[in-house]
C-alpha atoms as a PDB file:
ATOM      1  CA  UNK A   1     -59.902  34.029  22.983  1.00  0.00           C
ATOM      2  CA  UNK A   2     -62.461  34.379  20.174  1.00  0.00           C
ATOM      3  CA  UNK A   3     -66.159  34.459  21.038  1.00  0.00           C
ATOM      4  CA  UNK A   4     -68.357  31.421  20.329  1.00  0.00           C
ATOM      5  CA  UNK A   5     -69.856  31.647  16.848  1.00  0.00           C
ATOM      6  CA  UNK A   6     -73.485  32.671  16.821  1.00  0.00           C
ATOM      7  CA  UNK A   7     -75.793  32.300  13.787  1.00  0.00           C
ATOM      8  CA  UNK A   8     -78.708  34.626  13.340  1.00  0.00           C
ATOM      9  CA  UNK A   9     -81.318  33.408  10.811  1.00  0.00           C
ATOM     10  CA  UNK A  10     -83.727  35.938   9.341  1.00  0.00           C
ATOM     11  CA  UNK A  11     -86.694  34.730   7.330  1.00  0.00           C
ATOM     12  CA  UNK A  12     -88.580  37.254   5.128  1.00  0.00           C
ATOM     13  CA  UNK A  13     -91.142  37.484   2.364  1.00  0.00           C
ATOM     14  CA  UNK A  14     -92.137  40.810   0.903  1.00  0.00           C
ATOM     15  CA  UNK A  15     -90.849  42.603   4.009  1.00  0.00           C
ATOM     16  CA  UNK A  16     -89.381  45.708   2.476  1.00  0.00           C
ATOM     17  CA  UNK A  17     -90.906  47.881   5.242  1.00  0.00           C
ATOM     18  CA  UNK A  18     -89.218  45.967   8.068  1.00  0.00           C
ATOM     19  CA  UNK A  19     -86.202  44.038   6.783  1.00  0.00           C
ATOM     20  CA  UNK A  20     -83.678  46.887   6.943  1.00  0.00           C
ATOM     21  CA  UNK A  21     -84.361  47.626  10.624  1.00  0.00           C
ATOM     22  CA  UNK A  22     -83.980  43.907  11.391  1.00  0.00           C
ATOM     23  CA  UNK A  23     -80.683  43.671   9.482  1.00  0.00           C
ATOM     24  CA  UNK A  24     -79.268  46.812  11.146  1.00  0.00           C
ATOM     25  CA  UNK A  25     -80.143  45.482  14.629  1.00  0.00           C
ATOM     26  CA  UNK A  26     -78.149  42.375  13.825  1.00  0.00           C
ATOM     27  CA  UNK A  27     -75.041  43.807  12.126  1.00  0.00           C
ATOM     28  CA  UNK A  28     -74.765  46.492  14.787  1.00  0.00           C
ATOM     29  CA  UNK A  29     -74.412  43.928  17.559  1.00  0.00           C
ATOM     30  CA  UNK A  30     -71.256  44.395  19.600  1.00  0.00           C
ATOM     31  CA  UNK A  31     -70.141  40.818  19.123  1.00  0.00           C
ATOM     32  CA  UNK A  32     -67.212  39.694  16.969  1.00  0.00           C
ATOM     33  CA  UNK A  33     -68.165  36.194  15.833  1.00  0.00           C
ATOM     34  CA  UNK A  34     -71.559  36.565  14.214  1.00  0.00           C
ATOM     35  CA  UNK A  35     -73.029  34.830  11.172  1.00  0.00           C
ATOM     36  CA  UNK A  36     -76.069  36.287   9.440  1.00  0.00           C
ATOM     37  CA  UNK A  37     -78.215  34.175   7.176  1.00  0.00           C
ATOM     38  CA  UNK A  38     -81.256  35.504   5.336  1.00  0.00           C
ATOM     39  CA  UNK A  39     -83.819  33.255   3.708  1.00  0.00           C
ATOM     40  CA  UNK A  40     -86.165  35.198   1.403  1.00  0.00           C
ATOM     41  CA  UNK A  41     -89.253  33.488  -0.018  1.00  0.00           C
ATOM     42  CA  UNK A  42     -88.892  35.101  -3.453  1.00  0.00           C
ATOM     43  CA  UNK A  43     -89.951  38.651  -2.548  1.00  0.00           C
ATOM     44  CA  UNK A  44     -91.155  41.000  -5.296  1.00  0.00           C
ATOM     45  CA  UNK A  45     -91.577  44.211  -3.309  1.00  0.00           C
ATOM     46  CA  UNK A  46     -87.996  45.467  -3.156  1.00  0.00           C
ATOM     47  CA  UNK A  47     -86.853  43.288  -0.262  1.00  0.00           C
ATOM     48  CA  UNK A  48     -84.073  41.722  -2.367  1.00  0.00           C
ATOM     49  CA  UNK A  49     -82.652  45.139  -3.170  1.00  0.00           C
ATOM     50  CA  UNK A  50     -82.384  45.968   0.543  1.00  0.00           C
ATOM     51  CA  UNK A  51     -80.680  42.616   1.216  1.00  0.00           C
ATOM     52  CA  UNK A  52     -78.171  43.272  -1.541  1.00  0.00           C
ATOM     53  CA  UNK A  53     -77.462  46.665  -0.030  1.00  0.00           C
ATOM     54  CA  UNK A  54     -76.036  44.913   3.066  1.00  0.00           C
ATOM     55  CA  UNK A  55     -74.558  41.934   1.214  1.00  0.00           C
ATOM     56  CA  UNK A  56     -71.075  42.506   2.632  1.00  0.00           C
ATOM     57  CA  UNK A  57     -72.507  41.989   6.144  1.00  0.00           C
ATOM     58  CA  UNK A  58     -74.484  38.853   5.202  1.00  0.00           C
ATOM     59  CA  UNK A  59     -72.736  35.471   5.225  1.00  0.00           C
ATOM     60  CA  UNK A  60     -75.368  33.687   3.169  1.00  0.00           C
ATOM     61  CA  UNK A  61     -78.690  34.554   1.581  1.00  0.00           C
ATOM     62  CA  UNK A  62     -81.077  33.030  -0.912  1.00  0.00           C
ATOM     63  CA  UNK A  63     -84.283  34.133  -2.543  1.00  0.00           C
ATOM     64  CA  UNK A  64     -86.590  31.358  -3.765  1.00  0.00           C
ATOM     65  CA  UNK A  65     -90.138  30.043  -3.169  1.00  0.00           C
ATOM     66  CA  UNK A  66     -90.695  27.949  -0.039  1.00  0.00           C
ATOM     67  CA  UNK A  67     -93.490  26.158   1.754  1.00  0.00           C
ATOM     68  CA  UNK A  68     -93.994  28.743   4.440  1.00  0.00           C
ATOM     69  CA  UNK A  69     -92.080  30.304   7.332  1.00  0.00           C
ATOM     70  CA  UNK A  70     -91.051  26.968   9.024  1.00  0.00           C
ATOM     71  CA  UNK A  71     -89.740  25.590   5.742  1.00  0.00           C
ATOM     72  CA  UNK A  72     -87.655  28.756   5.313  1.00  0.00           C
ATOM     73  CA  UNK A  73     -86.377  28.450   8.890  1.00  0.00           C
ATOM     74  CA  UNK A  74     -85.341  24.866   8.144  1.00  0.00           C
ATOM     75  CA  UNK A  75     -83.367  26.136   5.133  1.00  0.00           C
ATOM     76  CA  UNK A  76     -81.625  28.563   7.473  1.00  0.00           C
ATOM     77  CA  UNK A  77     -80.659  25.751   9.821  1.00  0.00           C
ATOM     78  CA  UNK A  78     -79.112  23.795   6.941  1.00  0.00           C
ATOM     79  CA  UNK A  79     -76.890  26.759   6.032  1.00  0.00           C
ATOM     80  CA  UNK A  80     -75.923  27.648   9.608  1.00  0.00           C
ATOM     81  CA  UNK A  81     -72.413  26.964  10.906  1.00  0.00           C
ATOM     82  CA  UNK A  82     -72.568  28.616  14.367  1.00  0.00           C
ATOM     83  CA  UNK A  83     -72.625  26.764  17.629  1.00  0.00           C
ATOM     84  CA  UNK A  84     -75.774  28.636  18.715  1.00  0.00           C
ATOM     85  CA  UNK A  85     -78.720  29.691  16.499  1.00  0.00           C
ATOM     86  CA  UNK A  86     -81.271  32.429  16.947  1.00  0.00           C
ATOM     87  CA  UNK A  87     -84.266  33.227  14.651  1.00  0.00           C
ATOM     88  CA  UNK A  88     -84.702  36.981  14.301  1.00  0.00           C
ATOM     89  CA  UNK A  89     -87.224  37.224  11.509  1.00  0.00           C
ATOM     90  CA  UNK A  90     -88.149  40.291   9.479  1.00  0.00           C
ATOM     91  CA  UNK A  91     -89.998  42.814  11.631  1.00  0.00           C
ATOM     92  CA  UNK A  92     -88.216  41.740  14.832  1.00  0.00           C
ATOM     93  CA  UNK A  93     -85.008  43.278  16.174  1.00  0.00           C
ATOM     94  CA  UNK A  94     -82.512  42.976  18.974  1.00  0.00           C
ATOM     95  CA  UNK A  95     -83.415  45.087  21.997  1.00  0.00           C
ATOM     96  CA  UNK A  96     -80.062  46.882  21.962  1.00  0.00           C
ATOM     97  CA  UNK A  97     -76.588  46.550  20.328  1.00  0.00           C
ATOM     98  CA  UNK A  98     -75.269  45.039  23.569  1.00  0.00           C
ATOM     99  CA  UNK A  99     -77.611  41.971  23.724  1.00  0.00           C
ATOM    100  CA  UNK A 100     -75.206  39.330  22.391  1.00  0.00           C
ATOM    101  CA  UNK A 101     -72.283  40.627  24.445  1.00  0.00           C
ATOM    102  CA  UNK A 102     -74.384  40.071  27.590  1.00  0.00           C
ATOM    103  CA  UNK A 103     -74.584  36.359  26.919  1.00  0.00           C
ATOM    104  CA  UNK A 104     -71.499  34.546  28.193  1.00  0.00           C
ATOM    105  CA  UNK A 105     -71.869  31.779  25.624  1.00  0.00           C
ATOM    106  CA  UNK A 106     -68.572  30.155  26.552  1.00  0.00           C
ATOM    107  CA  UNK A 107     -69.903  29.511  30.034  1.00  0.00           C
ATOM    108  CA  UNK A 108     -73.201  28.095  28.739  1.00  0.00           C
ATOM    109  CA  UNK A 109     -71.766  25.113  26.956  1.00  0.00           C
ATOM    110  CA  UNK A 110     -73.532  22.682  29.280  1.00  0.00           C
ATOM    111  CA  UNK A 111     -76.949  23.966  28.197  1.00  0.00           C
ATOM    112  CA  UNK A 112     -78.898  23.298  25.043  1.00  0.00           C
ATOM    113  CA  UNK A 113     -81.435  26.140  25.024  1.00  0.00           C
ATOM    114  CA  UNK A 114     -80.865  29.552  26.582  1.00  0.00           C
ATOM    115  CA  UNK A 115     -83.394  32.344  26.530  1.00  0.00           C
ATOM    116  CA  UNK A 116     -84.491  35.686  27.937  1.00  0.00           C
ATOM    117  CA  UNK A 117     -87.316  38.249  27.754  1.00  0.00           C
ATOM    118  CA  UNK A 118     -88.806  40.282  24.955  1.00  0.00           C
ATOM    119  CA  UNK A 119     -90.007  43.852  24.656  1.00  0.00           C
ATOM    120  CA  UNK A 120     -93.519  43.321  23.332  1.00  0.00           C
ATOM    121  CA  UNK A 121     -94.784  46.222  21.209  1.00  0.00           C
ATOM    122  CA  UNK A 122     -98.449  46.617  20.412  1.00  0.00           C
ATOM    123  CA  UNK A 123    -100.450  49.436  18.890  1.00  0.00           C
ATOM    124  CA  UNK A 124    -101.346  50.561  22.410  1.00  0.00           C
ATOM    125  CA  UNK A 125     -98.030  50.434  24.212  1.00  0.00           C
ATOM    126  CA  UNK A 126     -95.000  48.258  24.979  1.00  0.00           C
ATOM    127  CA  UNK A 127     -94.115  46.040  27.890  1.00  0.00           C
ATOM    128  CA  UNK A 128     -91.514  43.495  28.911  1.00  0.00           C
ATOM    129  CA  UNK A 129     -92.713  39.918  28.650  1.00  0.00           C
ATOM    130  CA  UNK A 130     -90.734  37.419  30.674  1.00  0.00           C
ATOM    131  CA  UNK A 131     -90.680  33.702  29.884  1.00  0.00           C
ATOM    132  CA  UNK A 132     -92.686  31.213  31.951  1.00  0.00           C
ATOM    133  CA  UNK A 133     -91.058  28.523  34.018  1.00  0.00           C
ATOM    134  CA  UNK A 134     -89.666  25.743  31.883  1.00  0.00           C
ATOM    135  CA  UNK A 135     -92.034  23.024  33.232  1.00  0.00           C
ATOM    136  CA  UNK A 136     -94.970  25.010  31.746  1.00  0.00           C
ATOM    137  CA  UNK A 137     -93.816  24.004  28.297  1.00  0.00           C
ATOM    138  CA  UNK A 138     -95.853  20.803  28.712  1.00  0.00           C
ATOM    139  CA  UNK A 139     -98.945  23.011  28.372  1.00  0.00           C
ATOM    140  CA  UNK A 140     -97.909  25.914  26.076  1.00  0.00           C
ATOM    141  CA  UNK A 141     -95.020  27.910  24.652  1.00  0.00           C
ATOM    142  CA  UNK A 142     -93.004  29.528  27.422  1.00  0.00           C
ATOM    143  CA  UNK A 143     -91.037  32.078  25.398  1.00  0.00           C
ATOM    144  CA  UNK A 144     -90.858  33.728  21.950  1.00  0.00           C
ATOM    145  CA  UNK A 145     -88.372  32.224  19.519  1.00  0.00           C
ATOM    146  CA  UNK A 146     -86.833  35.673  18.982  1.00  0.00           C
ATOM    147  CA  UNK A 147     -85.480  35.517  22.505  1.00  0.00           C
ATOM    148  CA  UNK A 148     -84.051  31.985  22.256  1.00  0.00           C
ATOM    149  CA  UNK A 149     -80.641  30.632  21.361  1.00  0.00           C
ATOM    150  CA  UNK A 150     -80.487  26.895  20.585  1.00  0.00           C
ATOM    151  CA  UNK A 151     -77.528  24.588  19.997  1.00  0.00           C
ATOM    152  CA  UNK A 152     -77.244  23.965  16.243  1.00  0.00           C
ATOM    153  CA  UNK A 153     -76.550  20.261  16.841  1.00  0.00           C
ATOM    154  CA  UNK A 154     -80.076  19.903  18.216  1.00  0.00           C
ATOM    155  CA  UNK A 155     -81.675  21.821  15.373  1.00  0.00           C
ATOM    156  CA  UNK A 156     -80.033  19.869  12.530  1.00  0.00           C
ATOM    157  CA  UNK A 157     -81.572  16.628  13.879  1.00  0.00           C
ATOM    158  CA  UNK A 158     -84.966  18.116  14.739  1.00  0.00           C
ATOM    159  CA  UNK A 159     -86.218  20.416  11.987  1.00  0.00           C
ATOM    160  CA  UNK A 160     -89.507  22.345  12.245  1.00  0.00           C
ATOM    161  CA  UNK A 161     -92.534  20.309  11.369  1.00  0.00           C
ATOM    162  CA  UNK A 162     -93.879  22.143   8.293  1.00  0.00           C
ATOM    163  CA  UNK A 163     -97.236  20.331   8.576  1.00  0.00           C
ATOM    164  CA  UNK A 164     -97.959  22.718  11.467  1.00  0.00           C
ATOM    165  CA  UNK A 165     -98.791  26.308  10.591  1.00  0.00           C
ATOM    166  CA  UNK A 166     -98.547  27.920  14.025  1.00  0.00           C
ATOM    167  CA  UNK A 167     -97.090  25.449  16.559  1.00  0.00           C
ATOM    168  CA  UNK A 168     -94.028  24.054  14.852  1.00  0.00           C
ATOM    169  CA  UNK A 169     -91.740  26.047  17.139  1.00  0.00           C
ATOM    170  CA  UNK A 170     -93.738  24.821  20.181  1.00  0.00           C
ATOM    171  CA  UNK A 171     -93.399  21.214  18.967  1.00  0.00           C
ATOM    172  CA  UNK A 172     -89.631  21.616  18.593  1.00  0.00           C
ATOM    173  CA  UNK A 173     -89.041  22.929  22.118  1.00  0.00           C
ATOM    174  CA  UNK A 174     -91.643  20.599  23.603  1.00  0.00           C
ATOM    175  CA  UNK A 175     -89.726  17.678  22.058  1.00  0.00           C
ATOM    176  CA  UNK A 176     -86.390  18.992  23.318  1.00  0.00           C
ATOM    177  CA  UNK A 177     -87.786  19.256  26.856  1.00  0.00           C
ATOM    178  CA  UNK A 178     -89.290  15.738  26.718  1.00  0.00           C
ATOM    179  CA  UNK A 179     -85.853  14.481  25.551  1.00  0.00           C
ATOM    180  CA  UNK A 180     -84.152  16.021  28.559  1.00  0.00           C
ATOM    181  CA  UNK A 181     -82.470  18.949  26.837  1.00  0.00           C
ATOM    182  CA  UNK A 182     -81.051  21.474  29.304  1.00  0.00           C
ATOM    183  CA  UNK A 183     -82.838  24.825  29.379  1.00  0.00           C
ATOM    184  CA  UNK A 184     -81.451  27.997  30.966  1.00  0.00           C
ATOM    185  CA  UNK A 185     -83.295  31.281  31.486  1.00  0.00           C
ATOM    186  CA  UNK A 186     -81.210  34.442  31.676  1.00  0.00           C
ATOM    187  CA  UNK A 187     -82.229  37.879  32.957  1.00  0.00           C
ATOM    188  CA  UNK A 188     -81.712  39.600  29.635  1.00  0.00           C
ATOM    189  CA  UNK A 189     -84.135  41.403  27.354  1.00  0.00           C
ATOM    190  CA  UNK A 190     -83.262  39.927  23.996  1.00  0.00           C
ATOM    191  CA  UNK A 191     -85.570  41.317  21.338  1.00  0.00           C
ATOM    192  CA  UNK A 192     -88.307  43.705  20.271  1.00  0.00           C
ATOM    193  CA  UNK A 193     -91.370  41.888  19.100  1.00  0.00           C
ATOM    194  CA  UNK A 194     -94.216  43.640  17.386  1.00  0.00           C
ATOM    195  CA  UNK A 195     -97.498  41.997  18.369  1.00  0.00           C
ATOM    196  CA  UNK A 196    -101.066  42.565  17.307  1.00  0.00           C
ATOM    197  CA  UNK A 197    -103.405  43.691  20.071  1.00  0.00           C
ATOM    198  CA  UNK A 198    -105.576  40.651  19.425  1.00  0.00           C
ATOM    199  CA  UNK A 199    -105.366  37.325  17.695  1.00  0.00           C
ATOM    200  CA  UNK A 200    -108.146  36.282  15.331  1.00  0.00           C
ATOM    201  CA  UNK A 201    -110.601  33.619  16.490  1.00  0.00           C
ATOM    202  CA  UNK A 202    -109.611  31.374  13.571  1.00  0.00           C
ATOM    203  CA  UNK A 203    -105.875  31.647  14.478  1.00  0.00           C
ATOM    204  CA  UNK A 204    -106.677  31.096  18.173  1.00  0.00           C
ATOM    205  CA  UNK A 205    -108.592  27.912  17.373  1.00  0.00           C
ATOM    206  CA  UNK A 206    -105.848  26.635  15.094  1.00  0.00           C
ATOM    207  CA  UNK A 207    -103.222  27.380  17.729  1.00  0.00           C
ATOM    208  CA  UNK A 208    -105.185  25.509  20.389  1.00  0.00           C
ATOM    209  CA  UNK A 209    -105.745  22.598  18.045  1.00  0.00           C
ATOM    210  CA  UNK A 210    -102.121  22.335  16.988  1.00  0.00           C
ATOM    211  CA  UNK A 211    -100.827  22.647  20.576  1.00  0.00           C
ATOM    212  CA  UNK A 212    -103.125  19.760  21.541  1.00  0.00           C
ATOM    213  CA  UNK A 213    -101.793  17.738  18.568  1.00  0.00           C
ATOM    214  CA  UNK A 214     -98.270  18.293  19.810  1.00  0.00           C
ATOM    215  CA  UNK A 215     -99.221  17.250  23.332  1.00  0.00           C
ATOM    216  CA  UNK A 216    -100.988  14.171  21.914  1.00  0.00           C
ATOM    217  CA  UNK A 217    -104.422  14.862  23.395  1.00  0.00           C
ATOM    218  CA  UNK A 218    -106.429  16.413  20.559  1.00  0.00           C
ATOM    219  CA  UNK A 219    -108.626  13.279  20.348  1.00  0.00           C
ATOM    220  CA  UNK A 220    -109.801  13.990  23.866  1.00  0.00           C
ATOM    221  CA  UNK A 221    -113.348  15.416  23.573  1.00  0.00           C
ATOM    222  CA  UNK A 222    -112.844  17.587  26.674  1.00  0.00           C
ATOM    223  CA  UNK A 223    -109.741  19.157  25.161  1.00  0.00           C
ATOM    224  CA  UNK A 224    -111.725  20.005  22.013  1.00  0.00           C
ATOM    225  CA  UNK A 225    -114.472  21.589  24.067  1.00  0.00           C
ATOM    226  CA  UNK A 226    -111.903  23.607  26.083  1.00  0.00           C
ATOM    227  CA  UNK A 227    -110.290  24.924  22.846  1.00  0.00           C
ATOM    228  CA  UNK A 228    -113.695  25.905  21.509  1.00  0.00           C
ATOM    229  CA  UNK A 229    -114.637  27.684  24.744  1.00  0.00           C
ATOM    230  CA  UNK A 230    -111.342  29.576  24.782  1.00  0.00           C
ATOM    231  CA  UNK A 231    -111.837  30.527  21.129  1.00  0.00           C
ATOM    232  CA  UNK A 232    -115.286  32.002  21.921  1.00  0.00           C
ATOM    233  CA  UNK A 233    -113.851  33.896  24.895  1.00  0.00           C
ATOM    234  CA  UNK A 234    -111.110  35.273  22.652  1.00  0.00           C
ATOM    235  CA  UNK A 235    -113.666  36.327  20.047  1.00  0.00           C
ATOM    236  CA  UNK A 236    -115.590  38.260  22.726  1.00  0.00           C
ATOM    237  CA  UNK A 237    -112.372  39.818  23.997  1.00  0.00           C
ATOM    238  CA  UNK A 238    -111.455  40.987  20.524  1.00  0.00           C
ATOM    239  CA  UNK A 239    -114.968  42.471  20.087  1.00  0.00           C
ATOM    240  CA  UNK A 240    -114.619  44.453  23.377  1.00  0.00           C
ATOM    241  CA  UNK A 241    -111.153  45.555  22.447  1.00  0.00           C
ATOM    242  CA  UNK A 242    -112.364  47.010  19.167  1.00  0.00           C
ATOM    243  CA  UNK A 243    -115.494  48.531  20.690  1.00  0.00           C
ATOM    244  CA  UNK A 244    -113.757  50.350  23.597  1.00  0.00           C
ATOM    245  CA  UNK A 245    -111.745  53.504  22.675  1.00  0.00           C
ATOM    246  CA  UNK A 246    -107.993  53.054  22.742  1.00  0.00           C
ATOM    247  CA  UNK A 247    -107.390  55.936  25.229  1.00  0.00           C
ATOM    248  CA  UNK A 248    -109.845  54.466  27.723  1.00  0.00           C
ATOM    249  CA  UNK A 249    -108.283  51.016  27.432  1.00  0.00           C
ATOM    250  CA  UNK A 250    -104.832  52.510  28.149  1.00  0.00           C
ATOM    251  CA  UNK A 251    -106.277  54.455  31.117  1.00  0.00           C
ATOM    252  CA  UNK A 252    -107.789  51.293  32.669  1.00  0.00           C
ATOM    253  CA  UNK A 253    -104.638  49.251  31.990  1.00  0.00           C
ATOM    254  CA  UNK A 254    -102.473  51.834  33.739  1.00  0.00           C
ATOM    255  CA  UNK A 255    -104.814  51.960  36.673  1.00  0.00           C
ATOM    256  CA  UNK A 256    -104.597  48.168  37.057  1.00  0.00           C
ATOM    257  CA  UNK A 257    -100.769  48.193  36.791  1.00  0.00           C
ATOM    258  CA  UNK A 258    -100.534  50.887  39.500  1.00  0.00           C
ATOM    259  CA  UNK A 259    -102.575  48.715  41.872  1.00  0.00           C
END
């Protein structure tokens, strides 16, 4: 019996430093029914040449201007033909060649969204980040999209909202949850995700604002105050992170973990 068809969508723009590693992590998966789609935003740094190098392993790719990452991801959804879809964008990669083979997709047909953990890589170290419980999605994102597989039939009727710059993926899964989609967490490390040690205050504010817009409570003055307070706290945290030597931060972090 042939495995369920899985579509992996990779979005890239001027990602010549990372795209090859991402492609290799996908085509080296030990899974025999895999579709790879690459949506390039019109790169000019050599990315297209790398994509062409692996063209025989790519089912569909296009290089053209778009309206940002979520617009590109929507293009990928339109081209997808698999039953399940995962977004493994340039710079990200599967944790190991065995990841897809660990998912028994044929036994997960009653679910709409299945997901696992990620290996979060920062400049300081790396650590496994597990998803939060699904009910927490009413407050914030509970997983990274690199670790999620979603039924294509849901995605084609619920594209990413390109008016949002940070929280379009949160809005999508928030909507799925509110519409009674069935979520399933699996004890599998799905992907490697390179993360910055700190998020800028501007991005933190925008994220808080967009999350509140998705939840429908941005007009609440107390929510706005809360976002502003958290932004200021994040700004202070970033300042301390940059002021304290890296080796000392790692020493303290390890001491806390041991306790």
